[in-house]
Amino acid sequence: SEALRKQMGEARKNYNKDAMKEVMAKMRKLREGQGKAQGQLREQIMGTLTDEQKKLFEKMNRRRGRMRGGADMFRSRPAKPLVRCKC
């Protein structure tokens, strides 16, 4: 949340490690709650879809993961070399 971002900014500005740890713990709890809510929503959505719609929904989610740099991105394409050897 915006309030937690501001608290973290203040903690960093003041070099207050204890406050930073506290804010990070609050942020972690918030993310966990969001993850649970997303999972529940996904289950509700999947429960209302037909088998064909479920396949399309999964395909769209995999594509979205690649666009966001998700783990699926690495499974769908081969790795490219970072440096080309001129041996």
N, C-alpha and C. Protein backbone atom coordinates (compact mmCIF):
# COMPACT_ATOMS: atom_id res chain seq x y z
N SER A 1 0.83 -1.18 0.00
CA SER A 1 0.00 0.00 0.00
C SER A 1 0.87 1.25 0.00
N GLU A 2 0.27 2.34 -0.30
CA GLU A 2 1.00 3.61 -0.38
C GLU A 2 1.57 3.99 0.99
N ALA A 3 0.83 3.74 2.05
CA ALA A 3 1.28 4.06 3.40
C ALA A 3 2.55 3.27 3.74
N LEU A 4 2.58 1.99 3.36
CA LEU A 4 3.77 1.18 3.64
C LEU A 4 4.97 1.66 2.82
N ARG A 5 4.73 2.09 1.59
CA ARG A 5 5.83 2.63 0.78
C ARG A 5 6.41 3.88 1.43
N LYS A 6 5.54 4.72 1.94
CA LYS A 6 6.02 5.94 2.61
C LYS A 6 6.81 5.59 3.87
N GLN A 7 6.30 4.62 4.63
CA GLN A 7 7.01 4.20 5.84
C GLN A 7 8.39 3.65 5.49
N MET A 8 8.46 2.87 4.42
CA MET A 8 9.75 2.32 4.01
C MET A 8 10.69 3.42 3.57
N GLY A 9 10.17 4.39 2.85
CA GLY A 9 10.99 5.52 2.43
C GLY A 9 11.57 6.27 3.61
N GLU A 10 10.76 6.50 4.62
CA GLU A 10 11.24 7.18 5.84
C GLU A 10 12.29 6.34 6.55
N ALA A 11 12.05 5.04 6.64
CA ALA A 11 12.99 4.15 7.32
C ALA A 11 14.34 4.14 6.59
N ARG A 12 14.30 4.11 5.27
CA ARG A 12 15.54 4.14 4.48
C ARG A 12 16.24 5.48 4.64
N LYS A 13 15.47 6.53 4.58
CA LYS A 13 16.02 7.88 4.70
C LYS A 13 16.75 8.05 6.03
N ASN A 14 16.18 7.47 7.09
CA ASN A 14 16.76 7.59 8.43
C ASN A 14 17.72 6.44 8.76
N TYR A 15 17.97 5.56 7.79
CA TYR A 15 18.85 4.40 8.00
C TYR A 15 18.41 3.58 9.22
N ASN A 16 17.11 3.38 9.36
CA ASN A 16 16.55 2.66 10.50
C ASN A 16 16.26 1.22 10.07
N LYS A 17 17.21 0.33 10.34
CA LYS A 17 17.07 -1.06 9.91
C LYS A 17 15.91 -1.77 10.59
N ASP A 18 15.68 -1.48 11.85
CA ASP A 18 14.58 -2.13 12.56
C ASP A 18 13.23 -1.75 11.94
N ALA A 19 13.07 -0.48 11.63
CA ALA A 19 11.83 -0.02 11.01
C ALA A 19 11.68 -0.63 9.63
N MET A 20 12.79 -0.76 8.89
CA MET A 20 12.74 -1.36 7.56
C MET A 20 12.28 -2.82 7.66
N LYS A 21 12.82 -3.55 8.62
CA LYS A 21 12.43 -4.95 8.81
C LYS A 21 10.95 -5.06 9.14
N GLU A 22 10.47 -4.15 9.98
CA GLU A 22 9.06 -4.16 10.38
C GLU A 22 8.15 -3.91 9.17
N VAL A 23 8.51 -2.92 8.37
CA VAL A 23 7.71 -2.60 7.19
C VAL A 23 7.77 -3.75 6.18
N MET A 24 8.95 -4.35 6.03
CA MET A 24 9.07 -5.48 5.10
C MET A 24 8.19 -6.65 5.54
N ALA A 25 8.10 -6.89 6.84
CA ALA A 25 7.24 -7.96 7.35
C ALA A 25 5.77 -7.65 7.05
N LYS A 26 5.38 -6.39 7.20
CA LYS A 26 4.00 -6.00 6.89
C LYS A 26 3.71 -6.18 5.40
N MET A 27 4.68 -5.81 4.56
CA MET A 27 4.52 -5.95 3.11
C MET A 27 4.40 -7.42 2.72
N ARG A 28 5.19 -8.26 3.35
CA ARG A 28 5.16 -9.69 3.07
C ARG A 28 3.78 -10.28 3.40
N LYS A 29 3.23 -9.87 4.55
CA LYS A 29 1.89 -10.34 4.95
C LYS A 29 0.84 -9.89 3.94
N LEU A 30 0.97 -8.65 3.51
CA LEU A 30 0.03 -8.10 2.53
C LEU A 30 0.09 -8.89 1.23
N ARG A 31 1.31 -9.19 0.75
CA ARG A 31 1.46 -9.97 -0.49
C ARG A 31 0.90 -11.37 -0.35
N GLU A 32 1.11 -11.98 0.83
CA GLU A 32 0.57 -13.32 1.06
C GLU A 32 -0.96 -13.30 0.99
N GLY A 33 -1.56 -12.30 1.58
CA GLY A 33 -3.02 -12.16 1.54
C GLY A 33 -3.52 -11.96 0.12
N GLN A 34 -2.77 -11.17 -0.65
CA GLN A 34 -3.16 -10.94 -2.04
C GLN A 34 -3.06 -12.23 -2.84
N GLY A 35 -2.01 -13.00 -2.58
CA GLY A 35 -1.84 -14.27 -3.28
C GLY A 35 -2.98 -15.23 -2.99
N LYS A 36 -3.39 -15.29 -1.73
CA LYS A 36 -4.50 -16.17 -1.35
C LYS A 36 -5.79 -15.72 -2.03
N ALA A 37 -6.02 -14.41 -2.06
CA ALA A 37 -7.24 -13.88 -2.69
C ALA A 37 -7.23 -14.18 -4.18
N GLN A 38 -6.07 -14.05 -4.82
CA GLN A 38 -5.98 -14.36 -6.25
C GLN A 38 -6.26 -15.83 -6.50
N GLY A 39 -5.74 -16.70 -5.64
CA GLY A 39 -5.99 -18.13 -5.78
C GLY A 39 -7.46 -18.46 -5.65
N GLN A 40 -8.13 -17.85 -4.69
CA GLN A 40 -9.56 -18.09 -4.49
C GLN A 40 -10.37 -17.60 -5.70
N LEU A 41 -10.00 -16.43 -6.20
CA LEU A 41 -10.69 -15.88 -7.37
C LEU A 41 -10.50 -16.80 -8.57
N ARG A 42 -9.28 -17.28 -8.74
CA ARG A 42 -8.98 -18.19 -9.86
C ARG A 42 -9.84 -19.45 -9.77
N GLU A 43 -9.97 -20.00 -8.56
CA GLU A 43 -10.80 -21.19 -8.36
C GLU A 43 -12.26 -20.91 -8.72
N GLN A 44 -12.76 -19.75 -8.33
CA GLN A 44 -14.14 -19.38 -8.66
C GLN A 44 -14.32 -19.27 -10.17
N ILE A 45 -13.35 -18.63 -10.82
CA ILE A 45 -13.43 -18.47 -12.27
C ILE A 45 -13.42 -19.82 -12.95
N MET A 46 -12.47 -20.69 -12.56
CA MET A 46 -12.35 -22.00 -13.19
C MET A 46 -13.62 -22.84 -12.96
N GLY A 47 -14.28 -22.63 -11.84
CA GLY A 47 -15.49 -23.38 -11.54
C GLY A 47 -16.67 -23.01 -12.44
N THR A 48 -16.61 -21.85 -13.05
CA THR A 48 -17.72 -21.41 -13.90
C THR A 48 -17.47 -21.64 -15.39
N LEU A 49 -16.24 -21.98 -15.76
CA LEU A 49 -15.88 -22.11 -17.17
C LEU A 49 -16.13 -23.51 -17.71
N THR A 50 -16.37 -23.58 -19.01
CA THR A 50 -16.45 -24.88 -19.68
C THR A 50 -15.02 -25.39 -19.89
N ASP A 51 -14.87 -26.66 -20.28
CA ASP A 51 -13.54 -27.22 -20.51
C ASP A 51 -12.78 -26.43 -21.58
N GLU A 52 -13.48 -26.04 -22.63
CA GLU A 52 -12.85 -25.27 -23.70
C GLU A 52 -12.40 -23.90 -23.19
N GLN A 53 -13.23 -23.26 -22.40
CA GLN A 53 -12.88 -21.96 -21.84
C GLN A 53 -11.71 -22.07 -20.87
N LYS A 54 -11.67 -23.17 -20.12
CA LYS A 54 -10.56 -23.39 -19.19
C LYS A 54 -9.23 -23.47 -19.93
N LYS A 55 -9.21 -24.18 -21.05
CA LYS A 55 -7.99 -24.29 -21.86
C LYS A 55 -7.55 -22.91 -22.34
N LEU A 56 -8.48 -22.12 -22.82
CA LEU A 56 -8.17 -20.77 -23.30
C LEU A 56 -7.69 -19.89 -22.16
N PHE A 57 -8.32 -20.01 -21.00
CA PHE A 57 -7.93 -19.23 -19.83
C PHE A 57 -6.49 -19.56 -19.42
N GLU A 58 -6.15 -20.85 -19.40
CA GLU A 58 -4.79 -21.27 -19.05
C GLU A 58 -3.78 -20.75 -20.07
N LYS A 59 -4.14 -20.82 -21.34
CA LYS A 59 -3.27 -20.33 -22.40
C LYS A 59 -3.01 -18.83 -22.22
N MET A 60 -4.05 -18.08 -21.92
CA MET A 60 -3.92 -16.64 -21.73
C MET A 60 -3.04 -16.34 -20.52
N ASN A 61 -3.17 -17.11 -19.45
CA ASN A 61 -2.36 -16.89 -18.26
C ASN A 61 -0.90 -17.20 -18.52
N ARG A 62 -0.61 -18.25 -19.29
CA ARG A 62 0.78 -18.56 -19.63
C ARG A 62 1.38 -17.43 -20.45
N ARG A 63 0.60 -16.94 -21.39
CA ARG A 63 1.07 -15.84 -22.25
C ARG A 63 1.32 -14.58 -21.40
N ARG A 64 0.42 -14.32 -20.48
CA ARG A 64 0.57 -13.16 -19.59
C ARG A 64 1.83 -13.30 -18.75
N GLY A 65 2.11 -14.51 -18.29
CA GLY A 65 3.32 -14.76 -17.50
C GLY A 65 4.58 -14.47 -18.28
N ARG A 66 4.59 -14.84 -19.56
CA ARG A 66 5.76 -14.57 -20.40
C ARG A 66 5.93 -13.08 -20.61
N MET A 67 4.82 -12.37 -20.79
CA MET A 67 4.89 -10.94 -21.02
C MET A 67 5.41 -10.20 -19.79
N ARG A 68 5.13 -10.76 -18.62
CA ARG A 68 5.57 -10.14 -17.37
C ARG A 68 6.92 -10.67 -16.93
N GLY A 69 7.51 -11.56 -17.72
CA GLY A 69 8.80 -12.12 -17.35
C GLY A 69 8.69 -13.26 -16.36
N GLY A 70 7.56 -13.94 -16.38
CA GLY A 70 7.34 -15.04 -15.44
C GLY A 70 8.13 -16.28 -15.78
N ALA A 71 8.02 -17.29 -14.95
CA ALA A 71 8.77 -18.53 -15.12
C ALA A 71 8.44 -19.21 -16.44
N ASP A 72 7.19 -19.08 -16.90
CA ASP A 72 6.82 -19.71 -18.17
C ASP A 72 7.67 -19.19 -19.33
N MET A 73 8.15 -17.97 -19.19
CA MET A 73 8.94 -17.37 -20.24
C MET A 73 10.17 -18.22 -20.54
N PHE A 74 10.75 -18.80 -19.50
CA PHE A 74 11.98 -19.55 -19.68
C PHE A 74 11.72 -20.95 -20.21
N ARG A 75 10.54 -21.48 -20.03
CA ARG A 75 10.21 -22.81 -20.53
C ARG A 75 9.82 -22.78 -22.01
N SER A 76 9.36 -21.65 -22.49
CA SER A 76 8.82 -21.61 -23.84
C SER A 76 9.85 -21.28 -24.91
N ARG A 77 11.00 -20.79 -24.53
CA ARG A 77 12.02 -20.48 -25.53
C ARG A 77 13.39 -20.99 -25.08
N PRO A 78 14.21 -21.35 -26.03
CA PRO A 78 15.56 -21.78 -25.65
C PRO A 78 16.39 -20.57 -25.21
N ALA A 79 17.37 -20.85 -24.39
CA ALA A 79 18.23 -19.77 -23.91
C ALA A 79 19.10 -19.24 -25.04
N LYS A 80 19.32 -17.95 -25.04
CA LYS A 80 20.19 -17.33 -26.03
C LYS A 80 21.53 -17.03 -25.35
N PRO A 81 22.61 -17.24 -26.05
CA PRO A 81 23.92 -16.92 -25.45
C PRO A 81 24.04 -15.42 -25.25
N LEU A 82 24.65 -15.04 -24.13
CA LEU A 82 24.83 -13.62 -23.84
C LEU A 82 25.99 -13.04 -24.64
N VAL A 83 27.01 -13.85 -24.85
CA VAL A 83 28.20 -13.39 -25.56
C VAL A 83 28.52 -14.41 -26.65
N ARG A 84 28.83 -13.93 -27.81
CA ARG A 84 29.20 -14.84 -28.89
C ARG A 84 30.72 -14.96 -28.93
N CYS A 85 31.13 -16.19 -28.98
CA CYS A 85 32.57 -16.46 -29.01
C CYS A 85 33.07 -16.37 -30.44
N LYS A 86 34.15 -15.68 -30.65
CA LYS A 86 34.75 -15.56 -31.99
C LYS A 86 36.02 -16.41 -32.07
N CYS A 87 35.87 -17.64 -31.62
CA CYS A 87 37.02 -18.56 -31.60
C CYS A 87 37.35 -19.07 -32.97
